Amino acid sequence: MNATPSAAAASQRLGMTSNEPKSDPSSDVAWMVLEAANDFGDDTTIEACRRVIDASLSGTPASQSDLHVVSDYFR
């Protein structure tokens, strides 16, 4: 077992926070799907991706139906 705490665990214990913005995983996936949907001309998916990205940028939750379109795109 490693006796040295990780930097993240140590900073949490000391109450320090990172200045780096937290990335929304659904937004990251939406950007990848948006690129693929653009390549295929999939207008429905493009619009769903844009709504997920816009919601992420505005700090509001994306609709579940749009999140399903994005998360299921490569299945």
N, C-alpha and C. Protein backbone atom coordinates (compact mmCIF):
# COMPACT_ATOMS: atom_id res chain seq x y z
N MET A 1 0.84 -1.18 0.00
CA MET A 1 0.00 0.00 0.00
C MET A 1 0.88 1.23 0.00
N ASN A 2 0.53 2.22 -0.77
CA ASN A 2 1.31 3.44 -0.88
C ASN A 2 0.95 4.36 0.27
N ALA A 3 1.93 4.77 1.06
CA ALA A 3 1.68 5.62 2.22
C ALA A 3 1.60 7.09 1.85
N THR A 4 2.02 7.44 0.63
CA THR A 4 2.00 8.83 0.20
C THR A 4 0.66 9.15 -0.43
N PRO A 5 -0.06 10.16 0.12
CA PRO A 5 -1.36 10.51 -0.47
C PRO A 5 -1.19 11.17 -1.83
N SER A 6 -2.17 10.99 -2.67
CA SER A 6 -2.10 11.63 -3.98
C SER A 6 -2.25 13.13 -3.81
N ALA A 7 -1.85 13.88 -4.81
CA ALA A 7 -1.94 15.34 -4.76
C ALA A 7 -3.38 15.80 -4.64
N ALA A 8 -4.30 15.12 -5.34
CA ALA A 8 -5.70 15.49 -5.28
C ALA A 8 -6.26 15.27 -3.89
N ALA A 9 -5.95 14.13 -3.29
CA ALA A 9 -6.44 13.84 -1.95
C ALA A 9 -5.84 14.81 -0.94
N ALA A 10 -4.57 15.11 -1.09
CA ALA A 10 -3.92 16.05 -0.18
C ALA A 10 -4.53 17.44 -0.29
N SER A 11 -4.80 17.90 -1.51
CA SER A 11 -5.36 19.23 -1.68
C SER A 11 -6.78 19.30 -1.12
N GLN A 12 -7.55 18.21 -1.23
CA GLN A 12 -8.89 18.18 -0.65
C GLN A 12 -8.81 18.25 0.86
N ARG A 13 -7.88 17.52 1.44
CA ARG A 13 -7.72 17.52 2.88
C ARG A 13 -7.33 18.89 3.39
N LEU A 14 -6.51 19.61 2.63
CA LEU A 14 -6.04 20.91 3.04
C LEU A 14 -7.00 22.03 2.66
N GLY A 15 -8.08 21.69 1.96
CA GLY A 15 -9.09 22.68 1.60
C GLY A 15 -8.72 23.49 0.37
N MET A 16 -7.72 23.07 -0.36
CA MET A 16 -7.32 23.79 -1.57
C MET A 16 -8.19 23.33 -2.72
N THR A 17 -8.47 24.24 -3.62
CA THR A 17 -9.24 23.89 -4.81
C THR A 17 -8.42 24.23 -6.03
N SER A 18 -8.71 23.56 -7.10
CA SER A 18 -8.03 23.80 -8.36
C SER A 18 -8.70 24.95 -9.09
N ASN A 19 -7.90 25.76 -9.77
CA ASN A 19 -8.45 26.86 -10.57
C ASN A 19 -8.85 26.41 -11.95
N GLU A 20 -8.56 25.15 -12.28
CA GLU A 20 -8.91 24.64 -13.59
C GLU A 20 -10.41 24.40 -13.68
N PRO A 21 -11.04 24.81 -14.80
CA PRO A 21 -12.48 24.57 -14.94
C PRO A 21 -12.76 23.08 -15.05
N LYS A 22 -13.84 22.66 -14.46
CA LYS A 22 -14.26 21.26 -14.53
C LYS A 22 -14.91 21.02 -15.89
N SER A 23 -14.51 19.97 -16.54
CA SER A 23 -15.05 19.63 -17.85
C SER A 23 -16.27 18.75 -17.67
N ASP A 24 -17.32 19.04 -18.42
CA ASP A 24 -18.54 18.24 -18.38
C ASP A 24 -18.36 17.08 -19.35
N PRO A 25 -18.38 15.83 -18.85
CA PRO A 25 -18.16 14.70 -19.76
C PRO A 25 -19.18 14.61 -20.87
N SER A 26 -20.44 14.98 -20.60
CA SER A 26 -21.44 14.91 -21.65
C SER A 26 -21.13 15.92 -22.76
N SER A 27 -20.56 17.05 -22.40
CA SER A 27 -20.18 18.04 -23.39
C SER A 27 -19.01 17.54 -24.24
N ASP A 28 -18.04 16.90 -23.59
CA ASP A 28 -16.89 16.36 -24.32
C ASP A 28 -17.34 15.31 -25.34
N VAL A 29 -18.24 14.44 -24.92
CA VAL A 29 -18.76 13.41 -25.82
C VAL A 29 -19.57 14.06 -26.93
N ALA A 30 -20.36 15.07 -26.58
CA ALA A 30 -21.19 15.75 -27.57
C ALA A 30 -20.33 16.37 -28.67
N TRP A 31 -19.17 16.90 -28.32
CA TRP A 31 -18.28 17.47 -29.34
C TRP A 31 -17.79 16.39 -30.30
N MET A 32 -17.43 15.22 -29.76
CA MET A 32 -16.97 14.12 -30.62
C MET A 32 -18.09 13.62 -31.53
N VAL A 33 -19.28 13.48 -30.95
CA VAL A 33 -20.42 13.01 -31.73
C VAL A 33 -20.79 14.06 -32.77
N LEU A 34 -20.72 15.33 -32.41
CA LEU A 34 -21.02 16.41 -33.35
C LEU A 34 -20.12 16.33 -34.58
N GLU A 35 -18.85 16.08 -34.36
CA GLU A 35 -17.91 15.96 -35.48
C GLU A 35 -18.29 14.78 -36.39
N ALA A 36 -18.60 13.63 -35.79
CA ALA A 36 -18.99 12.46 -36.58
C ALA A 36 -20.31 12.71 -37.30
N ALA A 37 -21.27 13.31 -36.62
CA ALA A 37 -22.58 13.58 -37.23
C ALA A 37 -22.45 14.56 -38.38
N ASN A 38 -21.56 15.53 -38.25
CA ASN A 38 -21.30 16.46 -39.35
C ASN A 38 -20.75 15.72 -40.57
N ASP A 39 -19.83 14.78 -40.31
CA ASP A 39 -19.25 14.00 -41.41
C ASP A 39 -20.30 13.20 -42.16
N PHE A 40 -21.29 12.69 -41.42
CA PHE A 40 -22.34 11.87 -42.02
C PHE A 40 -23.57 12.66 -42.45
N GLY A 41 -23.61 13.94 -42.13
CA GLY A 41 -24.78 14.76 -42.49
C GLY A 41 -26.01 14.40 -41.69
N ASP A 42 -25.82 13.96 -40.45
CA ASP A 42 -26.92 13.54 -39.57
C ASP A 42 -27.46 14.77 -38.82
N ASP A 43 -28.41 15.46 -39.46
CA ASP A 43 -28.92 16.73 -38.93
C ASP A 43 -29.60 16.59 -37.57
N THR A 44 -30.32 15.51 -37.36
CA THR A 44 -31.01 15.31 -36.08
C THR A 44 -30.01 15.22 -34.94
N THR A 45 -28.95 14.45 -35.14
CA THR A 45 -27.92 14.29 -34.11
C THR A 45 -27.14 15.58 -33.93
N ILE A 46 -26.88 16.29 -34.99
CA ILE A 46 -26.17 17.57 -34.90
C ILE A 46 -26.94 18.52 -33.98
N GLU A 47 -28.24 18.61 -34.16
CA GLU A 47 -29.06 19.50 -33.33
C GLU A 47 -29.05 19.05 -31.86
N ALA A 48 -29.12 17.74 -31.61
CA ALA A 48 -29.08 17.23 -30.24
C ALA A 48 -27.74 17.56 -29.59
N CYS A 49 -26.66 17.40 -30.32
CA CYS A 49 -25.33 17.73 -29.81
C CYS A 49 -25.22 19.21 -29.48
N ARG A 50 -25.72 20.04 -30.35
CA ARG A 50 -25.68 21.49 -30.10
C ARG A 50 -26.46 21.86 -28.84
N ARG A 51 -27.60 21.21 -28.63
CA ARG A 51 -28.38 21.50 -27.42
C ARG A 51 -27.64 21.05 -26.17
N VAL A 52 -26.97 19.89 -26.23
CA VAL A 52 -26.20 19.41 -25.07
C VAL A 52 -25.04 20.35 -24.79
N ILE A 53 -24.34 20.78 -25.83
CA ILE A 53 -23.21 21.68 -25.66
C ILE A 53 -23.68 23.03 -25.13
N ASP A 54 -24.76 23.56 -25.68
CA ASP A 54 -25.30 24.84 -25.21
C ASP A 54 -25.71 24.76 -23.74
N ALA A 55 -26.35 23.66 -23.36
CA ALA A 55 -26.76 23.49 -21.97
C ALA A 55 -25.55 23.45 -21.05
N SER A 56 -24.50 22.77 -21.48
CA SER A 56 -23.28 22.69 -20.69
C SER A 56 -22.65 24.06 -20.52
N LEU A 57 -22.60 24.83 -21.59
CA LEU A 57 -22.00 26.16 -21.53
C LEU A 57 -22.80 27.12 -20.67
N SER A 58 -24.11 26.94 -20.64
CA SER A 58 -24.96 27.84 -19.85
C SER A 58 -25.14 27.35 -18.41
N GLY A 59 -24.64 26.14 -18.12
CA GLY A 59 -24.73 25.61 -16.77
C GLY A 59 -26.08 25.00 -16.43
N THR A 60 -26.87 24.71 -17.44
CA THR A 60 -28.17 24.09 -17.21
C THR A 60 -28.09 22.62 -17.62
N PRO A 61 -28.95 21.78 -17.05
CA PRO A 61 -28.92 20.37 -17.44
C PRO A 61 -29.48 20.17 -18.84
N ALA A 62 -28.87 19.28 -19.57
CA ALA A 62 -29.36 18.94 -20.91
C ALA A 62 -30.54 17.99 -20.77
N SER A 63 -31.39 17.97 -21.78
CA SER A 63 -32.54 17.07 -21.73
C SER A 63 -32.06 15.62 -21.82
N GLN A 64 -32.78 14.74 -21.17
CA GLN A 64 -32.42 13.32 -21.17
C GLN A 64 -32.47 12.74 -22.58
N SER A 65 -33.42 13.18 -23.38
CA SER A 65 -33.53 12.63 -24.74
C SER A 65 -32.30 13.02 -25.57
N ASP A 66 -31.83 14.25 -25.42
CA ASP A 66 -30.61 14.66 -26.14
C ASP A 66 -29.40 13.90 -25.64
N LEU A 67 -29.32 13.69 -24.33
CA LEU A 67 -28.19 12.94 -23.77
C LEU A 67 -28.19 11.50 -24.26
N HIS A 68 -29.36 10.92 -24.43
CA HIS A 68 -29.45 9.55 -24.97
C HIS A 68 -28.98 9.49 -26.41
N VAL A 69 -29.36 10.47 -27.20
CA VAL A 69 -28.92 10.51 -28.61
C VAL A 69 -27.40 10.58 -28.65
N VAL A 70 -26.82 11.44 -27.83
CA VAL A 70 -25.36 11.62 -27.83
C VAL A 70 -24.66 10.38 -27.31
N SER A 71 -25.12 9.83 -26.19
CA SER A 71 -24.41 8.70 -25.59
C SER A 71 -24.56 7.41 -26.38
N ASP A 72 -25.65 7.27 -27.14
CA ASP A 72 -25.87 6.05 -27.90
C ASP A 72 -25.39 6.12 -29.35
N TYR A 73 -24.80 7.22 -29.75
CA TYR A 73 -24.46 7.43 -31.16
C TYR A 73 -23.50 6.38 -31.72
N PHE A 74 -22.49 6.01 -30.96
CA PHE A 74 -21.48 5.08 -31.48
C PHE A 74 -21.79 3.62 -31.16
N ARG A 75 -22.94 3.34 -30.64
CA ARG A 75 -23.29 1.94 -30.30
C ARG A 75 -23.80 1.22 -31.51
